Amino acid sequence: MKKSFILTGTIISSLLAGQTAFASNYTVQKGDTLWGISKKYNTTVETLKQMNHLTSDLIFPGQILKVDEKKDTYVVKSGDTLSKIAKQFNTTVDALLKMNPEISNPNFIKVGQTIYLSGSVTTPVQKQTTSSVSTVSATPSENSTKAVNSSLADRIIQIGEKYLGAKYLYGASPSRTDAFDCSSFTMRVFSEAGISLPRNSAAQSQVGTPVSFNRLQKADLVFFDTDFNGTINHVGIYAGNGQMLNVSTSKGVSYASIGSSYWKERLVKAVRVIN
């Protein structure tokens, strides 16, 4: 009985630790208001607007808001190393590097430097201490579905890559393959993979299943509010390793890092349309 109690307590503590790690983001639900969210997280509307670069009180279902910025970052102290920080937050050096692409040398970080943790914090590993703890394996059908989804995701990225270098043209027809805007590109790529999407980025953000940024997979759609006005106006295709395929006004169809200083603060939502 004593062993069971200790094991149960350990599991509960681990689950609570996992919830705390991911408590810094909140997905807006239908009927939510900034005022209601601020009360729920014991903060203010103005603080939420500042953390999320909002210029108005307008929010929309599926939008992901920062609600506690302190849990997203860590300020380097004397004696710190990336390895030490990774161990402290139960993650890996590679995961931290992906979230902080500005770090070119993993052996060199500066005191006072801000390290982004969001998307790299993981639930603590639970050690199996008794034979009474069982593991659940995926069924053959589940494994088959995952394999099909992975194959389709790779195909979507391959389709997108064949248009690398195509120029940007606002309002471009999805039937064109020499020029795109952001949403005609995603519409075209997914249509070639047999998936229909609406024409504009705001409408595309309402299809599929919302996913958190630390659960992104290849071929997920990532959405941005580049004007900080509460309106989605850009979309890209997540390609893995912190990269997305998108159409920019300066580079046309190209790769970009969603962890860069420009895109990271404008990222508001992600959805998965491959089920």
C-alpha atoms as a PDB file:
ATOM      1  CA  MET A   1       0.000   0.000   0.000  1.00  0.00           C
ATOM      2  CA  LYS A   2       2.818   2.373   0.853  1.00  0.00           C
ATOM      3  CA  LYS A   3       4.559   1.771  -2.480  1.00  0.00           C
ATOM      4  CA  SER A   4       1.307   2.392  -4.372  1.00  0.00           C
ATOM      5  CA  PHE A   5       0.797   5.659  -2.525  1.00  0.00           C
ATOM      6  CA  ILE A   6       4.314   6.864  -3.311  1.00  0.00           C
ATOM      7  CA  LEU A   7       3.964   5.903  -6.975  1.00  0.00           C
ATOM      8  CA  THR A   8       0.594   7.617  -7.290  1.00  0.00           C
ATOM      9  CA  GLY A   9       1.975  10.740  -5.662  1.00  0.00           C
ATOM     10  CA  THR A  10       4.925  10.734  -8.035  1.00  0.00           C
ATOM     11  CA  ILE A  11       2.672  10.440 -11.088  1.00  0.00           C
ATOM     12  CA  ILE A  12       0.355  13.203  -9.867  1.00  0.00           C
ATOM     13  CA  SER A  13       3.337  15.463  -9.162  1.00  0.00           C
ATOM     14  CA  SER A  14       4.697  14.793 -12.648  1.00  0.00           C
ATOM     15  CA  LEU A  15       1.359  15.583 -14.261  1.00  0.00           C
ATOM     16  CA  LEU A  16       1.082  18.811 -12.292  1.00  0.00           C
ATOM     17  CA  ALA A  17       4.613  19.733 -13.330  1.00  0.00           C
ATOM     18  CA  GLY A  18       3.642  19.146 -16.955  1.00  0.00           C
ATOM     19  CA  GLN A  19       0.558  21.366 -16.616  1.00  0.00           C
ATOM     20  CA  THR A  20       2.633  24.135 -15.069  1.00  0.00           C
ATOM     21  CA  ALA A  21       5.116  23.972 -17.930  1.00  0.00           C
ATOM     22  CA  PHE A  22       2.378  24.555 -20.500  1.00  0.00           C
ATOM     23  CA  ALA A  23       0.278  27.015 -18.492  1.00  0.00           C
ATOM     24  CA  SER A  24       1.853  30.071 -20.152  1.00  0.00           C
ATOM     25  CA  ASN A  25      -0.366  29.852 -23.256  1.00  0.00           C
ATOM     26  CA  TYR A  26      -4.145  29.981 -23.461  1.00  0.00           C
ATOM     27  CA  THR A  27      -6.294  29.056 -26.476  1.00  0.00           C
ATOM     28  CA  VAL A  28      -9.206  31.465 -26.894  1.00  0.00           C
ATOM     29  CA  GLN A  29     -12.624  29.793 -26.707  1.00  0.00           C
ATOM     30  CA  LYS A  30     -15.926  30.959 -28.179  1.00  0.00           C
ATOM     31  CA  GLY A  31     -17.380  33.680 -25.943  1.00  0.00           C
ATOM     32  CA  ASP A  32     -14.035  34.606 -24.348  1.00  0.00           C
ATOM     33  CA  THR A  33     -13.074  38.222 -23.733  1.00  0.00           C
ATOM     34  CA  LEU A  34      -9.741  39.704 -22.742  1.00  0.00           C
ATOM     35  CA  TRP A  35     -11.344  40.876 -19.511  1.00  0.00           C
ATOM     36  CA  GLY A  36     -12.542  37.359 -18.665  1.00  0.00           C
ATOM     37  CA  ILE A  37      -9.143  35.827 -19.468  1.00  0.00           C
ATOM     38  CA  SER A  38      -7.362  38.482 -17.402  1.00  0.00           C
ATOM     39  CA  LYS A  39      -9.504  37.617 -14.365  1.00  0.00           C
ATOM     40  CA  LYS A  40      -8.902  33.896 -14.852  1.00  0.00           C
ATOM     41  CA  TYR A  41      -5.129  34.360 -14.830  1.00  0.00           C
ATOM     42  CA  ASN A  42      -5.039  37.142 -12.236  1.00  0.00           C
ATOM     43  CA  THR A  43      -3.634  39.742 -14.607  1.00  0.00           C
ATOM     44  CA  THR A  44      -4.948  42.803 -16.465  1.00  0.00           C
ATOM     45  CA  VAL A  45      -6.308  43.443 -19.932  1.00  0.00           C
ATOM     46  CA  GLU A  46      -3.486  45.915 -20.583  1.00  0.00           C
ATOM     47  CA  THR A  47      -0.843  43.352 -19.601  1.00  0.00           C
ATOM     48  CA  LEU A  48      -2.360  40.751 -21.927  1.00  0.00           C
ATOM     49  CA  LYS A  49      -2.436  43.268 -24.777  1.00  0.00           C
ATOM     50  CA  GLN A  50       1.206  44.198 -24.219  1.00  0.00           C
ATOM     51  CA  MET A  51       2.386  40.575 -24.015  1.00  0.00           C
ATOM     52  CA  ASN A  52       0.504  39.677 -27.201  1.00  0.00           C
ATOM     53  CA  HIS A  53       1.096  42.936 -29.107  1.00  0.00           C
ATOM     54  CA  LEU A  54      -2.640  43.579 -29.412  1.00  0.00           C
ATOM     55  CA  THR A  55      -3.771  47.035 -30.458  1.00  0.00           C
ATOM     56  CA  SER A  56      -7.435  46.368 -29.668  1.00  0.00           C
ATOM     57  CA  ASP A  57      -9.543  44.143 -27.415  1.00  0.00           C
ATOM     58  CA  LEU A  58     -10.531  41.971 -30.396  1.00  0.00           C
ATOM     59  CA  ILE A  59      -9.704  38.262 -30.030  1.00  0.00           C
ATOM     60  CA  PHE A  60     -11.011  35.213 -31.892  1.00  0.00           C
ATOM     61  CA  PRO A  61     -11.628  31.514 -31.128  1.00  0.00           C
ATOM     62  CA  GLY A  62      -8.520  29.392 -31.601  1.00  0.00           C
ATOM     63  CA  GLN A  63      -6.125  32.301 -31.083  1.00  0.00           C
ATOM     64  CA  ILE A  64      -3.292  31.412 -28.699  1.00  0.00           C
ATOM     65  CA  LEU A  65      -2.454  34.077 -26.140  1.00  0.00           C
ATOM     66  CA  LYS A  66       0.467  34.389 -23.776  1.00  0.00           C
ATOM     67  CA  VAL A  67      -0.914  34.681 -20.258  1.00  0.00           C
ATOM     68  CA  ASP A  68       2.278  34.451 -18.208  1.00  0.00           C
ATOM     69  CA  GLU A  69       5.387  35.650 -19.981  1.00  0.00           C
ATOM     70  CA  LYS A  70       7.695  34.680 -17.120  1.00  0.00           C
ATOM     71  CA  LYS A  71       7.108  30.995 -17.769  1.00  0.00           C
ATOM     72  CA  ASP A  72       8.161  31.380 -21.420  1.00  0.00           C
ATOM     73  CA  THR A  73      11.648  32.692 -20.782  1.00  0.00           C
ATOM     74  CA  TYR A  74      14.707  32.293 -18.599  1.00  0.00           C
ATOM     75  CA  VAL A  75      17.337  34.945 -17.925  1.00  0.00           C
ATOM     76  CA  VAL A  76      20.885  33.592 -17.923  1.00  0.00           C
ATOM     77  CA  LYS A  77      22.705  33.872 -14.585  1.00  0.00           C
ATOM     78  CA  SER A  78      26.403  33.642 -13.734  1.00  0.00           C
ATOM     79  CA  GLY A  79      27.613  30.046 -14.057  1.00  0.00           C
ATOM     80  CA  ASP A  80      24.775  28.971 -16.343  1.00  0.00           C
ATOM     81  CA  THR A  81      25.285  26.800 -19.403  1.00  0.00           C
ATOM     82  CA  LEU A  82      22.738  25.651 -21.971  1.00  0.00           C
ATOM     83  CA  SER A  83      23.182  22.121 -20.665  1.00  0.00           C
ATOM     84  CA  LYS A  84      22.449  23.240 -17.111  1.00  0.00           C
ATOM     85  CA  ILE A  85      19.376  25.226 -18.195  1.00  0.00           C
ATOM     86  CA  ALA A  86      18.112  22.295 -20.278  1.00  0.00           C
ATOM     87  CA  LYS A  87      18.452  19.976 -17.273  1.00  0.00           C
ATOM     88  CA  GLN A  88      16.712  22.500 -14.992  1.00  0.00           C
ATOM     89  CA  PHE A  89      13.677  22.689 -17.287  1.00  0.00           C
ATOM     90  CA  ASN A  90      13.737  18.996 -18.213  1.00  0.00           C
ATOM     91  CA  THR A  91      14.450  19.575 -21.891  1.00  0.00           C
ATOM     92  CA  THR A  92      17.441  19.246 -24.234  1.00  0.00           C
ATOM     93  CA  VAL A  93      20.113  21.566 -25.579  1.00  0.00           C
ATOM     94  CA  ASP A  94      18.890  20.856 -29.128  1.00  0.00           C
ATOM     95  CA  ALA A  95      15.343  21.899 -28.184  1.00  0.00           C
ATOM     96  CA  LEU A  96      16.630  25.148 -26.675  1.00  0.00           C
ATOM     97  CA  LEU A  97      18.714  25.864 -29.764  1.00  0.00           C
ATOM     98  CA  LYS A  98      15.645  25.423 -31.987  1.00  0.00           C
ATOM     99  CA  MET A  99      13.727  27.936 -29.873  1.00  0.00           C
ATOM    100  CA  ASN A 100      16.685  30.345 -29.840  1.00  0.00           C
ATOM    101  CA  PRO A 101      18.141  30.370 -33.377  1.00  0.00           C
ATOM    102  CA  GLU A 102      20.156  33.487 -32.555  1.00  0.00           C
ATOM    103  CA  ILE A 103      22.498  31.293 -30.463  1.00  0.00           C
ATOM    104  CA  SER A 104      25.195  30.318 -32.951  1.00  0.00           C
ATOM    105  CA  ASN A 105      27.544  28.750 -30.399  1.00  0.00           C
ATOM    106  CA  PRO A 106      25.851  26.456 -27.822  1.00  0.00           C
ATOM    107  CA  ASN A 107      28.922  26.792 -25.594  1.00  0.00           C
ATOM    108  CA  PHE A 108      28.595  30.559 -25.333  1.00  0.00           C
ATOM    109  CA  ILE A 109      25.694  32.358 -23.652  1.00  0.00           C
ATOM    110  CA  LYS A 110      25.847  35.681 -21.832  1.00  0.00           C
ATOM    111  CA  VAL A 111      24.714  36.655 -18.345  1.00  0.00           C
ATOM    112  CA  GLY A 112      21.435  38.559 -18.672  1.00  0.00           C
ATOM    113  CA  GLN A 113      20.584  36.913 -22.008  1.00  0.00           C
ATOM    114  CA  THR A 114      16.963  35.835 -22.374  1.00  0.00           C
ATOM    115  CA  ILE A 115      16.462  32.183 -23.328  1.00  0.00           C
ATOM    116  CA  TYR A 116      13.096  31.229 -24.784  1.00  0.00           C
ATOM    117  CA  LEU A 117      11.657  28.049 -23.282  1.00  0.00           C
ATOM    118  CA  SER A 118       8.184  27.945 -24.834  1.00  0.00           C
ATOM    119  CA  GLY A 119       7.816  24.900 -27.037  1.00  0.00           C
ATOM    120  CA  SER A 120      10.853  23.171 -25.515  1.00  0.00           C
ATOM    121  CA  VAL A 121       9.626  22.392 -21.994  1.00  0.00           C
ATOM    122  CA  THR A 122       8.542  18.810 -21.658  1.00  0.00           C
ATOM    123  CA  THR A 123       6.765  16.759 -19.033  1.00  0.00           C
ATOM    124  CA  PRO A 124       9.298  15.220 -16.597  1.00  0.00           C
ATOM    125  CA  VAL A 125      10.241  11.640 -17.424  1.00  0.00           C
ATOM    126  CA  GLN A 126       8.535   9.166 -15.109  1.00  0.00           C
ATOM    127  CA  LYS A 127      10.615   6.233 -13.914  1.00  0.00           C
ATOM    128  CA  GLN A 128       8.842   2.887 -13.691  1.00  0.00           C
ATOM    129  CA  THR A 129       9.321   1.736 -10.124  1.00  0.00           C
ATOM    130  CA  THR A 130       6.974  -1.250  -9.876  1.00  0.00           C
ATOM    131  CA  SER A 131       5.665  -3.907 -12.194  1.00  0.00           C
ATOM    132  CA  SER A 132       2.117  -2.638 -11.587  1.00  0.00           C
ATOM    133  CA  VAL A 133       2.701   0.280 -13.961  1.00  0.00           C
ATOM    134  CA  SER A 134       1.748  -0.728 -17.499  1.00  0.00           C
ATOM    135  CA  THR A 135       2.424   0.976 -20.813  1.00  0.00           C
ATOM    136  CA  VAL A 136      -0.089   1.498 -23.592  1.00  0.00           C
ATOM    137  CA  SER A 137       1.060   0.648 -27.097  1.00  0.00           C
ATOM    138  CA  ALA A 138      -0.466   2.013 -30.258  1.00  0.00           C
ATOM    139  CA  THR A 139      -2.691  -0.417 -32.111  1.00  0.00           C
ATOM    140  CA  PRO A 140      -1.764  -1.461 -35.671  1.00  0.00           C
ATOM    141  CA  SER A 141      -4.515   0.806 -37.040  1.00  0.00           C
ATOM    142  CA  GLU A 142      -3.150   3.775 -35.060  1.00  0.00           C
ATOM    143  CA  ASN A 143       0.370   3.106 -36.324  1.00  0.00           C
ATOM    144  CA  SER A 144      -0.966   2.816 -39.868  1.00  0.00           C
ATOM    145  CA  THR A 145      -2.797   6.140 -39.574  1.00  0.00           C
ATOM    146  CA  LYS A 146       0.326   7.874 -38.253  1.00  0.00           C
ATOM    147  CA  ALA A 147       2.371   6.461 -41.128  1.00  0.00           C
ATOM    148  CA  VAL A 148      -0.168   7.673 -43.703  1.00  0.00           C
ATOM    149  CA  ASN A 149      -0.310  11.130 -42.090  1.00  0.00           C
ATOM    150  CA  SER A 150       3.485  11.368 -42.032  1.00  0.00           C
ATOM    151  CA  SER A 151       3.668  10.352 -45.692  1.00  0.00           C
ATOM    152  CA  LEU A 152       1.023  12.918 -46.647  1.00  0.00           C
ATOM    153  CA  ALA A 153       2.778  15.629 -44.645  1.00  0.00           C
ATOM    154  CA  ASP A 154       6.061  14.922 -46.455  1.00  0.00           C
ATOM    155  CA  ARG A 155       4.237  15.046 -49.784  1.00  0.00           C
ATOM    156  CA  ILE A 156       2.741  18.455 -48.933  1.00  0.00           C
ATOM    157  CA  ILE A 157       6.199  19.816 -48.129  1.00  0.00           C
ATOM    158  CA  GLN A 158       7.558  18.360 -51.380  1.00  0.00           C
ATOM    159  CA  ILE A 159       4.755  20.003 -53.346  1.00  0.00           C
ATOM    160  CA  GLY A 160       5.467  23.339 -51.683  1.00  0.00           C
ATOM    161  CA  GLU A 161       9.203  23.068 -52.327  1.00  0.00           C
ATOM    162  CA  LYS A 162       8.744  22.723 -56.079  1.00  0.00           C
ATOM    163  CA  TYR A 163       7.467  26.327 -56.072  1.00  0.00           C
ATOM    164  CA  LEU A 164      10.478  27.739 -54.195  1.00  0.00           C
ATOM    165  CA  GLY A 165      11.496  31.009 -55.815  1.00  0.00           C
ATOM    166  CA  ALA A 166       8.087  31.817 -57.320  1.00  0.00           C
ATOM    167  CA  LYS A 167       7.381  35.533 -56.916  1.00  0.00           C
ATOM    168  CA  TYR A 168       4.884  37.251 -54.644  1.00  0.00           C
ATOM    169  CA  LEU A 169       1.722  38.734 -56.138  1.00  0.00           C
ATOM    170  CA  TYR A 170      -1.102  40.021 -53.965  1.00  0.00           C
ATOM    171  CA  GLY A 171      -4.447  38.493 -54.927  1.00  0.00           C
ATOM    172  CA  ALA A 172      -2.829  35.917 -57.208  1.00  0.00           C
ATOM    173  CA  SER A 173      -5.201  33.282 -58.545  1.00  0.00           C
ATOM    174  CA  PRO A 174      -4.697  29.820 -57.003  1.00  0.00           C
ATOM    175  CA  SER A 175      -4.551  28.507 -60.561  1.00  0.00           C
ATOM    176  CA  ARG A 176      -1.278  30.363 -61.122  1.00  0.00           C
ATOM    177  CA  THR A 177       1.979  28.600 -60.357  1.00  0.00           C
ATOM    178  CA  ASP A 178       4.416  31.376 -61.240  1.00  0.00           C
ATOM    179  CA  ALA A 179       3.206  33.819 -58.568  1.00  0.00           C
ATOM    180  CA  PHE A 180       1.378  33.518 -55.245  1.00  0.00           C
ATOM    181  CA  ASP A 181       0.230  35.388 -52.213  1.00  0.00           C
ATOM    182  CA  CYS A 182       0.408  33.560 -48.876  1.00  0.00           C
ATOM    183  CA  SER A 183      -3.039  31.955 -48.950  1.00  0.00           C
ATOM    184  CA  SER A 184      -3.166  31.169 -52.677  1.00  0.00           C
ATOM    185  CA  PHE A 185       0.094  29.265 -52.086  1.00  0.00           C
ATOM    186  CA  THR A 186      -1.284  27.150 -49.225  1.00  0.00           C
ATOM    187  CA  MET A 187      -4.535  26.646 -51.122  1.00  0.00           C
ATOM    188  CA  ARG A 188      -2.643  25.457 -54.210  1.00  0.00           C
ATOM    189  CA  VAL A 189      -0.258  23.152 -52.336  1.00  0.00           C
ATOM    190  CA  PHE A 190      -2.969  21.439 -50.313  1.00  0.00           C
ATOM    191  CA  SER A 191      -5.265  21.111 -53.334  1.00  0.00           C
ATOM    192  CA  GLU A 192      -2.522  19.171 -55.128  1.00  0.00           C
ATOM    193  CA  ALA A 193      -2.504  16.832 -52.115  1.00  0.00           C
ATOM    194  CA  GLY A 194      -6.287  16.404 -52.336  1.00  0.00           C
ATOM    195  CA  ILE A 195      -7.238  18.801 -49.516  1.00  0.00           C
ATOM    196  CA  SER A 196      -9.491  21.822 -50.097  1.00  0.00           C
ATOM    197  CA  LEU A 197      -8.830  25.078 -48.242  1.00  0.00           C
ATOM    198  CA  PRO A 198     -10.668  28.449 -48.297  1.00  0.00           C
ATOM    199  CA  ARG A 199      -9.083  31.286 -50.263  1.00  0.00           C
ATOM    200  CA  ASN A 200      -7.849  33.663 -47.534  1.00  0.00           C
ATOM    201  CA  SER A 201      -5.705  33.160 -44.439  1.00  0.00           C
ATOM    202  CA  ALA A 202      -8.377  34.212 -41.927  1.00  0.00           C
ATOM    203  CA  ALA A 203     -10.814  31.633 -43.338  1.00  0.00           C
ATOM    204  CA  GLN A 204      -8.103  28.963 -43.472  1.00  0.00           C
ATOM    205  CA  SER A 205      -7.433  29.513 -39.764  1.00  0.00           C
ATOM    206  CA  GLN A 206     -10.956  28.278 -38.996  1.00  0.00           C
ATOM    207  CA  VAL A 207     -10.564  24.829 -40.585  1.00  0.00           C
ATOM    208  CA  GLY A 208      -8.921  21.775 -39.069  1.00  0.00           C
ATOM    209  CA  THR A 209      -7.978  21.317 -35.428  1.00  0.00           C
ATOM    210  CA  PRO A 210      -6.105  23.986 -33.425  1.00  0.00           C
ATOM    211  CA  VAL A 211      -2.738  22.794 -32.098  1.00  0.00           C
ATOM    212  CA  SER A 212      -0.369  24.364 -29.596  1.00  0.00           C
ATOM    213  CA  PHE A 213       2.945  25.676 -30.854  1.00  0.00           C
ATOM    214  CA  ASN A 214       4.912  23.070 -28.919  1.00  0.00           C
ATOM    215  CA  ARG A 215       2.997  20.304 -30.710  1.00  0.00           C
ATOM    216  CA  LEU A 216       3.582  21.454 -34.285  1.00  0.00           C
ATOM    217  CA  GLN A 217       4.025  18.788 -36.941  1.00  0.00           C
ATOM    218  CA  LYS A 218       4.952  18.915 -40.614  1.00  0.00           C
ATOM    219  CA  ALA A 219       2.181  20.340 -42.831  1.00  0.00           C
ATOM    220  CA  ASP A 220       0.406  22.153 -39.987  1.00  0.00           C
ATOM    221  CA  LEU A 221      -0.758  25.617 -41.014  1.00  0.00           C
ATOM    222  CA  VAL A 222       0.708  28.484 -38.976  1.00  0.00           C
ATOM    223  CA  PHE A 223      -1.002  31.874 -38.856  1.00  0.00           C
ATOM    224  CA  PHE A 224       0.234  35.368 -38.136  1.00  0.00           C
ATOM    225  CA  ASP A 225      -1.057  38.828 -37.302  1.00  0.00           C
ATOM    226  CA  THR A 226       1.661  40.949 -38.891  1.00  0.00           C
ATOM    227  CA  ASP A 227      -0.077  44.259 -38.109  1.00  0.00           C
ATOM    228  CA  PHE A 228      -0.782  43.515 -34.422  1.00  0.00           C
ATOM    229  CA  ASN A 229      -4.430  44.473 -34.908  1.00  0.00           C
ATOM    230  CA  GLY A 230      -6.085  41.182 -33.898  1.00  0.00           C
ATOM    231  CA  THR A 231      -6.627  40.070 -37.499  1.00  0.00           C
ATOM    232  CA  ILE A 232      -4.915  37.084 -39.134  1.00  0.00           C
ATOM    233  CA  ASN A 233      -3.327  38.185 -42.400  1.00  0.00           C
ATOM    234  CA  HIS A 234      -0.564  35.667 -43.145  1.00  0.00           C
ATOM    235  CA  VAL A 235      -0.260  31.883 -43.319  1.00  0.00           C
ATOM    236  CA  GLY A 236       2.583  29.438 -43.843  1.00  0.00           C
ATOM    237  CA  ILE A 237       3.106  25.665 -43.897  1.00  0.00           C
ATOM    238  CA  TYR A 238       5.144  24.281 -41.012  1.00  0.00           C
ATOM    239  CA  ALA A 239       7.991  22.181 -42.420  1.00  0.00           C
ATOM    240  CA  GLY A 240       9.600  20.921 -39.212  1.00  0.00           C
ATOM    241  CA  ASN A 241      12.663  22.055 -37.241  1.00  0.00           C
ATOM    242  CA  GLY A 242      11.172  25.488 -36.624  1.00  0.00           C
ATOM    243  CA  GLN A 243      10.903  26.277 -40.345  1.00  0.00           C
ATOM    244  CA  MET A 244       7.913  27.149 -42.493  1.00  0.00           C
ATOM    245  CA  LEU A 245       7.268  27.399 -46.209  1.00  0.00           C
ATOM    246  CA  ASN A 246       5.568  30.684 -46.980  1.00  0.00           C
ATOM    247  CA  VAL A 247       5.292  33.504 -49.481  1.00  0.00           C
ATOM    248  CA  SER A 248       6.915  36.766 -48.425  1.00  0.00           C
ATOM    249  CA  THR A 249       6.671  40.041 -50.292  1.00  0.00           C
ATOM    250  CA  SER A 250      10.468  40.243 -50.628  1.00  0.00           C
ATOM    251  CA  LYS A 251      11.459  36.616 -51.298  1.00  0.00           C
ATOM    252  CA  GLY A 252       8.349  35.016 -52.767  1.00  0.00           C
ATOM    253  CA  VAL A 253       8.034  31.311 -51.961  1.00  0.00           C
ATOM    254  CA  SER A 254      10.773  30.638 -49.438  1.00  0.00           C
ATOM    255  CA  TYR A 255      11.672  29.109 -46.100  1.00  0.00           C
ATOM    256  CA  ALA A 256      11.550  31.173 -42.910  1.00  0.00           C
ATOM    257  CA  SER A 257      12.119  30.458 -39.233  1.00  0.00           C
ATOM    258  CA  ILE A 258       9.021  30.885 -37.083  1.00  0.00           C
ATOM    259  CA  GLY A 259      11.408  31.313 -34.150  1.00  0.00           C
ATOM    260  CA  SER A 260      12.965  34.450 -35.630  1.00  0.00           C
ATOM    261  CA  SER A 261      12.385  37.712 -33.797  1.00  0.00           C
ATOM    262  CA  TYR A 262      10.016  38.903 -36.533  1.00  0.00           C
ATOM    263  CA  TRP A 263       7.762  35.867 -36.894  1.00  0.00           C
ATOM    264  CA  LYS A 264       7.789  34.659 -33.278  1.00  0.00           C
ATOM    265  CA  GLU A 265       6.002  37.709 -31.887  1.00  0.00           C
ATOM    266  CA  ARG A 266       3.449  37.704 -34.704  1.00  0.00           C
ATOM    267  CA  LEU A 267       2.514  34.006 -34.514  1.00  0.00           C
ATOM    268  CA  VAL A 268      -1.046  33.680 -33.191  1.00  0.00           C
ATOM    269  CA  LYS A 269      -2.426  30.288 -34.176  1.00  0.00           C
ATOM    270  CA  ALA A 270      -1.740  26.885 -35.746  1.00  0.00           C
ATOM    271  CA  VAL A 271      -4.147  24.298 -37.123  1.00  0.00           C
ATOM    272  CA  ARG A 272      -3.836  20.721 -38.350  1.00  0.00           C
ATOM    273  CA  VAL A 273      -5.860  19.777 -41.406  1.00  0.00           C
ATOM    274  CA  ILE A 274      -4.367  16.289 -41.792  1.00  0.00           C
ATOM    275  CA  ASN A 275      -6.357  14.037 -39.461  1.00  0.00           C
END
